[in-house]
Amino acid sequence: MKGEERSCETQPSIRIDRLLVYLRFARTRSAAHAVIESHALRRNGQHVRRASENVCVGDVITLVQGGEVRIVEILALPARRTSPAAAKFHYRELNRN
């Protein structure tokens, strides 16, 4: 796990709770914290234990949303919360056809 953390030290990153809100996987940071605390979120195959954990471009996020498992690769880091259509440009679904 330390090797994955180190990869974000040399490139731009964002807190995972903030990313979930910006990409519209959660409505609020409180809702994002609830997802993290329920152990329904992984980053690069490892359970996310803290909301302050950083995510960088290229990371793979696995989350349960609406009873469905979603696997997404982060393509770009958003600067703010945007429309759902604009948010989709920041990630790529890996488990959908």
Foldseek 3Di string as FASTA:
>chain_A
DVVVLVVCVVDPKDFQLQQCCQLVVAVHSVRSVVQLVVQFKDKQNHRDNDSRRIDDAQIWMWGQGPNDIWIKGAHHGDPHRDDNVVSPVGIDTDPDD
